[in-house]
Amino acid sequence: MPAVQIINVPLGDRAYDIHIGSGLLDQVGALVKPRLAGAKVLVVADATVAAAHGTRLLASLTAAGLVPTLFTFPAGEPSKSLATAEAAWAACAGAKIDRTDAVLGFGGGVSGDLAGFVASCWMRGVRFVQVPTSLLAMVDSSVGGKTGVNSAAGKNLVGAFCQPVAVVIDPALISTMDPREYRAGLAEVLKYGVINDPGFLAWQEANAAALDRGEPAAVAHAVAESCRIKAWYVEQDELEQGVRAHLNYGHTFGHALERETKYRQYLHGEAVGLGMRMAVELAARTGLLQTPDLAARQDALLRAYHLPLVHAATDPVATAASLTAACALDKKVAKGATRFILPVRPGTVELVTAPDAGLVQAAFSSALVPAGTGTP
């Protein structure tokens, strides 16, 4: 068995472990067997991940006495839909998945979110396992039980909380990732330093080049620290009624941008990175930001991670107005009021409800440029 770090998510009788270690893909069956014991398992994976790694995962599950069935779908955010969920439920029926069985999400955030939603609804809930293969999924979406699909009304508006019974992370799989997908995940790593841990932010500044290159030691540390912080938030506030909302830093802006571009121009992490720039701008404009150099520090890491710093729009003024209006459809709206997570200083953020719409529009405008211009 490879060397393994274990981070516990302490949720009483629904507690589970996050297993982190290079080479763990071949040990998934042995690690989850105690929680599944002979179950039939529907493996939900996009076609790209299934082709690259599916044989190893299925062999591991079979060797542990589990009975896997593979369900695949086209890679990409557009597949995170009710139509794909319906196809997965049909696969559950075909595989005779019952309440003693499980669904396993294998892949990036789309696979994990989709699989968790399918598990939460099938027979009113079956067990769920996360085996993330992308950096973004490893450090964020695989932990905490937030699942869902996109709809015409907006991103992740249809979903459920469904905690996994286990999460197995093999950081070695990152070496096979598309570089753009990998770097998009670094936006979420950056987020943890800004919202919770100034030391982790400083570590990233010192190790940005190593992270950008995907050096194994740097990646393993970033994954473990990110999971540690995420587990703390989940323990404190499982259903996102309070402090867990801090994890949405950059997301209200980013989700609006994803919706504006029909989920086709940006990867989720890229949109979140842009949203984090906009959040710092809004914090400065509202007088909340106490450390003005945070904007420059955050920008420097976004550049080091080769993430976009601006969005090119044919009509930036109209686009800013459209993006501001889109915030009203974000799932974090409460009693009709938009809510934003804004930074005060490294490691400290606040939830701000219904800031002035003009300031929000100005924050959007700060990262919009006319189409055809360069980045700062």
Protein backbone atom coordinates (compact mmCIF):
# COMPACT_ATOMS: atom_id res chain seq x y z
CA MET A 1 0.00 0.00 0.00
CA PRO A 2 1.43 3.44 -0.93
CA ALA A 3 2.12 6.00 1.80
CA VAL A 4 -1.25 7.53 2.65
CA GLN A 5 -2.33 10.73 4.37
CA ILE A 6 -5.76 10.45 5.98
CA ILE A 7 -7.90 13.49 6.75
CA ASN A 8 -11.13 12.81 8.61
CA VAL A 9 -14.32 14.75 7.99
CA PRO A 10 -15.97 14.46 11.42
CA LEU A 11 -19.73 14.40 10.87
CA GLY A 12 -20.86 11.97 13.56
CA ASP A 13 -22.35 8.79 12.11
CA ARG A 14 -21.73 10.21 8.61
CA ALA A 15 -18.01 10.84 9.17
CA TYR A 16 -15.65 9.72 6.44
CA ASP A 17 -11.97 9.70 5.57
CA ILE A 18 -10.15 11.39 2.72
CA HIS A 19 -7.30 9.10 1.63
CA ILE A 20 -4.46 10.89 -0.18
CA GLY A 21 -1.49 9.10 -1.71
CA SER A 22 0.34 8.53 -4.97
CA GLY A 23 -0.73 5.24 -6.56
CA LEU A 24 -4.00 4.92 -4.65
CA LEU A 25 -6.07 4.41 -7.80
CA ASP A 26 -5.10 0.75 -7.68
CA GLN A 27 -6.16 0.55 -4.02
CA VAL A 28 -9.61 2.14 -4.29
CA GLY A 29 -11.41 -1.18 -3.90
CA ALA A 30 -9.48 -2.14 -0.76
CA LEU A 31 -10.00 1.30 0.77
CA VAL A 32 -13.75 1.53 0.17
CA LYS A 33 -14.60 -2.13 0.75
CA PRO A 34 -15.19 -1.63 4.51
CA ARG A 35 -17.88 0.95 3.68
CA LEU A 36 -19.47 -0.98 0.79
CA ALA A 37 -18.99 -4.70 1.51
CA GLY A 38 -19.84 -6.57 -1.68
CA ALA A 39 -22.07 -3.88 -3.13
CA LYS A 40 -22.86 -3.30 -6.76
CA VAL A 41 -21.29 0.01 -7.80
CA LEU A 42 -22.29 2.29 -10.67
CA VAL A 43 -19.12 4.13 -11.72
CA VAL A 44 -20.00 7.52 -13.22
CA ALA A 45 -17.15 8.87 -15.37
CA ASP A 46 -16.73 11.04 -18.41
CA ALA A 47 -15.54 9.25 -21.53
CA THR A 48 -12.05 10.77 -21.41
CA VAL A 49 -11.34 9.68 -17.83
CA ALA A 50 -12.88 6.27 -18.42
CA ALA A 51 -10.63 5.67 -21.42
CA ALA A 52 -7.50 6.78 -19.56
CA HIS A 53 -8.01 5.18 -16.16
CA GLY A 54 -11.21 3.14 -16.13
CA THR A 55 -9.57 -0.27 -16.51
CA ARG A 56 -7.45 0.24 -13.39
CA LEU A 57 -10.36 1.43 -11.28
CA LEU A 58 -12.70 -1.35 -12.35
CA ALA A 59 -9.98 -3.94 -11.70
CA SER A 60 -9.41 -2.55 -8.21
CA LEU A 61 -13.12 -2.66 -7.37
CA THR A 62 -13.53 -6.17 -8.75
CA ALA A 63 -10.49 -7.45 -6.84
CA ALA A 64 -12.11 -6.21 -3.62
CA GLY A 65 -15.26 -8.23 -4.28
CA LEU A 66 -17.35 -5.31 -5.49
CA VAL A 67 -19.44 -5.48 -8.67
CA PRO A 68 -18.82 -2.39 -10.83
CA THR A 69 -20.77 -1.15 -13.86
CA LEU A 70 -19.34 1.74 -15.87
CA PHE A 71 -21.57 4.61 -17.02
CA THR A 72 -19.91 7.22 -19.23
CA PHE A 73 -20.93 10.57 -20.66
CA PRO A 74 -19.28 13.24 -22.86
CA ALA A 75 -16.66 15.27 -21.01
CA GLY A 76 -17.43 18.89 -20.22
CA GLU A 77 -19.67 21.18 -18.18
CA PRO A 78 -22.65 20.92 -20.59
CA SER A 79 -23.01 17.26 -19.53
CA LYS A 80 -23.73 18.27 -15.93
CA SER A 81 -27.44 18.26 -16.68
CA LEU A 82 -30.72 16.60 -15.78
CA ALA A 83 -30.58 14.78 -19.11
CA THR A 84 -27.30 13.10 -18.16
CA ALA A 85 -28.63 12.36 -14.66
CA GLU A 86 -31.67 10.70 -16.24
CA ALA A 87 -29.37 8.53 -18.35
CA ALA A 88 -27.40 7.60 -15.21
CA TRP A 89 -30.60 6.65 -13.37
CA ALA A 90 -31.46 4.39 -16.31
CA ALA A 91 -28.01 2.83 -15.89
CA CYS A 92 -28.75 2.32 -12.18
CA ALA A 93 -31.89 0.44 -13.15
CA GLY A 94 -29.99 -1.64 -15.71
CA ALA A 95 -27.31 -2.53 -13.14
CA LYS A 96 -29.98 -3.30 -10.52
CA ILE A 97 -28.52 -0.77 -8.07
CA ASP A 98 -30.59 -0.97 -4.88
CA ARG A 99 -30.42 0.71 -1.47
CA THR A 100 -27.56 -1.55 -0.37
CA ASP A 101 -25.43 -0.49 -3.33
CA ALA A 102 -23.47 2.63 -4.32
CA VAL A 103 -22.62 5.20 -6.95
CA LEU A 104 -18.97 6.21 -7.46
CA GLY A 105 -17.97 9.52 -9.02
CA PHE A 106 -14.77 9.10 -11.03
CA GLY A 107 -13.25 12.16 -12.66
CA GLY A 108 -13.37 15.90 -12.26
CA GLY A 109 -15.94 18.15 -10.65
CA VAL A 110 -18.58 17.42 -13.27
CA SER A 111 -18.39 13.67 -12.65
CA GLY A 112 -18.40 14.04 -8.88
CA ASP A 113 -21.25 16.55 -8.76
CA LEU A 114 -23.31 14.50 -11.19
CA ALA A 115 -22.63 11.17 -9.46
CA GLY A 116 -23.49 12.58 -6.05
CA PHE A 117 -26.76 14.01 -7.33
CA VAL A 118 -27.62 10.69 -8.97
CA ALA A 119 -26.84 8.88 -5.70
CA SER A 120 -28.89 11.31 -3.62
CA CYS A 121 -32.00 10.73 -5.71
CA TRP A 122 -31.82 7.09 -6.74
CA MET A 123 -34.17 5.15 -4.44
CA ARG A 124 -34.16 8.28 -2.26
CA GLY A 125 -30.49 7.89 -1.55
CA VAL A 126 -27.74 5.29 -1.94
CA ARG A 127 -24.14 5.35 -0.78
CA PHE A 128 -21.69 7.53 -2.66
CA VAL A 129 -17.91 7.42 -3.17
CA GLN A 130 -15.66 10.12 -4.65
CA VAL A 131 -12.52 9.27 -6.63
CA PRO A 132 -11.44 12.63 -8.11
CA THR A 133 -8.95 12.78 -10.96
CA SER A 134 -8.66 16.55 -11.50
CA LEU A 135 -6.92 18.99 -9.19
CA LEU A 136 -10.06 21.07 -8.77
CA ALA A 137 -12.07 18.03 -7.71
CA MET A 138 -9.31 16.82 -5.40
CA VAL A 139 -9.04 20.08 -3.49
CA ASP A 140 -12.66 21.19 -3.53
CA SER A 141 -15.68 19.48 -5.04
CA SER A 142 -14.97 15.91 -3.90
CA VAL A 143 -15.14 16.91 -0.22
CA GLY A 144 -18.22 18.17 1.57
CA GLY A 145 -21.20 16.56 -0.12
CA LYS A 146 -22.41 19.40 -2.36
CA THR A 147 -23.81 17.82 -5.51
CA GLY A 148 -25.96 18.99 -8.37
CA VAL A 149 -26.52 19.78 -12.02
CA ASN A 150 -26.82 22.93 -14.07
CA SER A 151 -30.08 24.17 -15.55
CA ALA A 152 -31.22 26.87 -17.94
CA ALA A 153 -31.75 29.13 -14.92
CA GLY A 154 -28.17 28.87 -13.69
CA LYS A 155 -25.28 26.80 -12.40
CA ASN A 156 -25.86 24.26 -9.60
CA LEU A 157 -29.39 25.48 -8.87
CA VAL A 158 -30.67 21.88 -8.84
CA GLY A 159 -28.88 19.70 -6.32
CA ALA A 160 -28.66 18.11 -2.90
CA PHE A 161 -26.26 17.59 -0.03
CA CYS A 162 -25.01 14.01 -0.23
CA GLN A 163 -21.92 13.21 1.81
CA PRO A 164 -19.67 10.50 0.40
CA VAL A 165 -18.75 7.50 2.52
CA ALA A 166 -15.14 7.80 1.35
CA VAL A 167 -12.90 9.97 -0.81
CA VAL A 168 -9.79 8.48 -2.43
CA ILE A 169 -7.29 10.89 -3.99
CA ASP A 170 -4.32 9.80 -6.10
CA PRO A 171 -2.30 12.98 -6.83
CA ALA A 172 -0.22 11.06 -9.38
CA LEU A 173 -3.18 11.23 -11.76
CA ILE A 174 -2.59 14.97 -12.09
CA SER A 175 0.42 14.22 -14.29
CA THR A 176 -1.99 12.94 -16.96
CA MET A 177 -4.23 16.00 -16.84
CA ASP A 178 -4.61 18.58 -19.56
CA PRO A 179 -2.42 21.53 -18.42
CA ARG A 180 -5.27 24.00 -18.72
CA GLU A 181 -7.55 21.83 -16.55
CA TYR A 182 -4.78 21.46 -13.99
CA ARG A 183 -4.14 25.19 -13.76
CA ALA A 184 -7.85 25.88 -13.39
CA GLY A 185 -7.70 23.82 -10.19
CA LEU A 186 -4.96 26.05 -8.83
CA ALA A 187 -7.52 28.86 -8.53
CA GLU A 188 -9.27 26.87 -5.80
CA VAL A 189 -5.94 26.22 -4.07
CA LEU A 190 -5.28 29.97 -4.12
CA LYS A 191 -8.76 30.56 -2.68
CA TYR A 192 -7.97 28.61 0.50
CA GLY A 193 -4.96 30.77 1.24
CA VAL A 194 -6.91 34.00 0.77
CA ILE A 195 -9.97 33.03 2.82
CA ASN A 196 -8.47 30.97 5.62
CA ASP A 197 -4.72 30.53 5.92
CA PRO A 198 -2.19 33.34 5.34
CA GLY A 199 0.61 30.83 5.83
CA PHE A 200 -0.70 28.70 3.01
CA LEU A 201 -0.97 31.80 0.83
CA ALA A 202 2.67 32.66 1.57
CA TRP A 203 3.68 29.03 0.87
CA GLN A 204 2.05 29.30 -2.55
CA GLU A 205 3.94 32.51 -3.28
CA ALA A 206 7.19 30.71 -2.46
CA ASN A 207 6.25 27.59 -4.44
CA ALA A 208 4.21 28.99 -7.32
CA ALA A 209 6.64 27.82 -9.99
CA ALA A 210 6.75 24.30 -8.57
CA LEU A 211 2.97 24.17 -8.43
CA ASP A 212 2.65 25.51 -11.95
CA ARG A 213 4.99 22.74 -13.16
CA GLY A 214 3.02 20.14 -11.24
CA GLU A 215 5.97 18.96 -9.15
CA PRO A 216 4.70 15.97 -7.13
CA ALA A 217 5.82 17.14 -3.68
CA ALA A 218 4.28 20.59 -4.15
CA VAL A 219 1.06 19.12 -5.54
CA ALA A 220 0.72 16.63 -2.68
CA HIS A 221 1.17 19.40 -0.10
CA ALA A 222 -1.33 21.67 -1.85
CA VAL A 223 -3.92 18.89 -2.05
CA ALA A 224 -3.53 17.89 1.60
CA GLU A 225 -3.66 21.46 2.91
CA SER A 226 -6.66 22.30 0.76
CA CYS A 227 -8.52 19.19 1.96
CA ARG A 228 -7.64 20.00 5.56
CA ILE A 229 -9.14 23.47 5.25
CA LYS A 230 -12.19 22.22 3.35
CA ALA A 231 -12.82 19.50 5.98
CA TRP A 232 -12.74 22.14 8.72
CA TYR A 233 -15.41 24.19 6.98
CA VAL A 234 -17.60 21.14 6.42
CA GLU A 235 -17.28 20.16 10.08
CA GLN A 236 -18.25 23.65 11.23
CA ASP A 237 -21.14 24.16 8.84
CA GLU A 238 -22.16 21.12 6.81
CA LEU A 239 -25.22 22.63 5.13
CA GLU A 240 -23.68 26.03 4.37
CA GLN A 241 -25.83 28.09 6.71
CA GLY A 242 -22.90 30.13 7.99
CA VAL A 243 -19.10 29.99 7.76
CA ARG A 244 -18.98 27.40 4.96
CA ALA A 245 -20.27 30.12 2.65
CA HIS A 246 -16.73 31.54 2.79
CA LEU A 247 -15.77 28.79 0.33
CA ASN A 248 -17.83 30.65 -2.27
CA TYR A 249 -15.20 33.38 -2.52
CA GLY A 250 -15.11 34.43 -6.17
CA HIS A 251 -17.98 32.10 -7.05
CA THR A 252 -20.89 34.54 -7.28
CA PHE A 253 -18.96 36.56 -9.86
CA GLY A 254 -17.56 33.44 -11.50
CA HIS A 255 -20.91 31.69 -11.83
CA ALA A 256 -22.40 34.76 -13.51
CA LEU A 257 -19.51 34.77 -15.96
CA GLU A 258 -19.94 31.06 -16.70
CA ARG A 259 -23.64 31.57 -17.35
CA GLU A 260 -22.98 34.61 -19.56
CA THR A 261 -20.63 32.52 -21.69
CA LYS A 262 -22.97 29.48 -21.68
CA TYR A 263 -20.45 27.36 -19.75
CA ARG A 264 -18.30 27.00 -22.88
CA GLN A 265 -15.58 29.66 -22.69
CA TYR A 266 -14.14 29.12 -19.22
CA LEU A 267 -13.32 26.17 -17.06
CA HIS A 268 -14.86 26.56 -13.61
CA GLY A 269 -11.56 27.41 -11.93
CA GLU A 270 -10.77 30.01 -14.56
CA ALA A 271 -14.11 31.73 -13.93
CA VAL A 272 -13.53 31.57 -10.18
CA GLY A 273 -10.10 33.15 -10.59
CA LEU A 274 -11.66 36.05 -12.48
CA GLY A 275 -14.36 36.21 -9.82
CA MET A 276 -11.74 36.49 -7.09
CA ARG A 277 -10.26 39.54 -8.84
CA MET A 278 -13.74 41.07 -8.97
CA ALA A 279 -14.36 40.24 -5.30
CA VAL A 280 -11.21 42.10 -4.22
CA GLU A 281 -12.32 45.07 -6.31
CA LEU A 282 -15.75 45.08 -4.67
CA ALA A 283 -14.16 44.79 -1.24
CA ALA A 284 -12.00 47.82 -2.00
CA ARG A 285 -14.95 49.83 -3.33
CA THR A 286 -17.09 49.05 -0.26
CA GLY A 287 -14.25 49.98 2.12
CA LEU A 288 -14.03 46.46 3.53
CA LEU A 289 -10.53 45.62 2.29
CA GLN A 290 -7.89 46.44 4.92
CA THR A 291 -4.81 45.22 3.03
CA PRO A 292 -4.68 46.87 -0.40
CA ASP A 293 -1.70 44.74 -1.46
CA LEU A 294 -3.90 41.63 -1.46
CA ALA A 295 -5.09 42.46 -4.98
CA ALA A 296 -1.53 42.54 -6.30
CA ARG A 297 -0.55 39.35 -4.42
CA GLN A 298 -3.58 37.51 -5.75
CA ASP A 299 -2.97 38.78 -9.29
CA ALA A 300 0.66 37.66 -9.11
CA LEU A 301 -0.40 34.11 -8.27
CA LEU A 302 -3.08 34.07 -10.94
CA ARG A 303 -0.41 35.08 -13.44
CA ALA A 304 2.01 32.47 -12.10
CA TYR A 305 -0.71 29.85 -12.56
CA HIS A 306 -1.38 31.11 -16.12
CA LEU A 307 -5.03 31.89 -15.35
CA PRO A 308 -7.00 34.60 -17.17
CA LEU A 309 -7.06 38.05 -15.59
CA VAL A 310 -9.66 39.71 -17.82
CA HIS A 311 -12.73 38.82 -19.85
CA ALA A 312 -12.94 40.24 -23.36
CA ALA A 313 -16.40 41.53 -24.25
CA THR A 314 -17.73 43.13 -27.42
CA ASP A 315 -19.56 45.69 -25.25
CA PRO A 316 -18.02 45.74 -21.74
CA VAL A 317 -20.63 48.16 -20.35
CA ALA A 318 -23.58 46.04 -21.47
CA THR A 319 -21.80 42.87 -20.37
CA ALA A 320 -21.18 44.27 -16.88
CA ALA A 321 -24.88 45.13 -16.58
CA SER A 322 -25.87 41.65 -17.77
CA LEU A 323 -23.49 39.97 -15.34
CA THR A 324 -24.80 42.07 -12.45
CA ALA A 325 -28.36 41.03 -13.28
CA ALA A 326 -27.28 37.37 -13.49
CA CYS A 327 -26.14 37.48 -9.86
CA ALA A 328 -29.80 37.59 -8.83
CA LEU A 329 -30.13 33.99 -10.06
CA ASP A 330 -27.15 32.67 -8.12
CA LYS A 331 -27.97 29.85 -5.70
CA LYS A 332 -26.49 31.88 -2.85
CA VAL A 333 -29.23 34.53 -3.08
CA ALA A 334 -31.15 34.75 0.22
CA LYS A 335 -34.57 36.43 0.51
CA GLY A 336 -34.00 38.09 -2.84
CA ALA A 337 -30.67 39.63 -1.81
CA THR A 338 -27.37 38.82 -3.53
CA ARG A 339 -24.56 37.72 -1.26
CA PHE A 340 -20.82 38.04 -1.85
CA ILE A 341 -17.81 36.74 0.05
CA LEU A 342 -15.34 39.60 0.21
CA PRO A 343 -11.81 39.71 1.64
CA VAL A 344 -10.84 41.88 4.59
CA ARG A 345 -7.23 40.72 4.81
CA PRO A 346 -5.43 37.44 4.02
CA GLY A 347 -7.17 34.71 6.01
CA THR A 348 -10.27 36.79 6.77
CA VAL A 349 -13.36 37.25 4.64
CA GLU A 350 -16.90 38.49 5.31
CA LEU A 351 -20.31 37.76 3.87
CA VAL A 352 -21.78 40.95 2.43
CA THR A 353 -25.47 40.99 1.57
CA ALA A 354 -26.97 43.19 -1.15
CA PRO A 355 -24.10 45.57 -1.83
CA ASP A 356 -24.91 48.55 -4.01
CA ALA A 357 -25.63 47.29 -7.54
CA GLY A 358 -23.53 50.09 -9.02
CA LEU A 359 -20.52 48.91 -7.05
CA VAL A 360 -21.13 45.31 -8.14
CA GLN A 361 -21.30 46.43 -11.77
CA ALA A 362 -18.08 48.40 -11.32
CA ALA A 363 -16.42 45.30 -9.86
CA PHE A 364 -17.43 43.30 -12.91
CA SER A 365 -16.19 46.10 -15.17
CA SER A 366 -12.77 46.03 -13.49
CA ALA A 367 -11.98 42.70 -15.19
CA LEU A 368 -13.68 43.36 -18.53
CA VAL A 369 -11.84 44.65 -21.57
CA PRO A 370 -12.97 45.37 -25.13
CA ALA A 371 -12.61 42.36 -27.39
CA GLY A 372 -9.22 42.34 -29.11
CA THR A 373 -7.22 43.98 -26.33
CA GLY A 374 -4.52 42.31 -24.28
CA THR A 375 -4.35 41.29 -20.64
CA PRO A 376 -2.76 43.46 -17.93
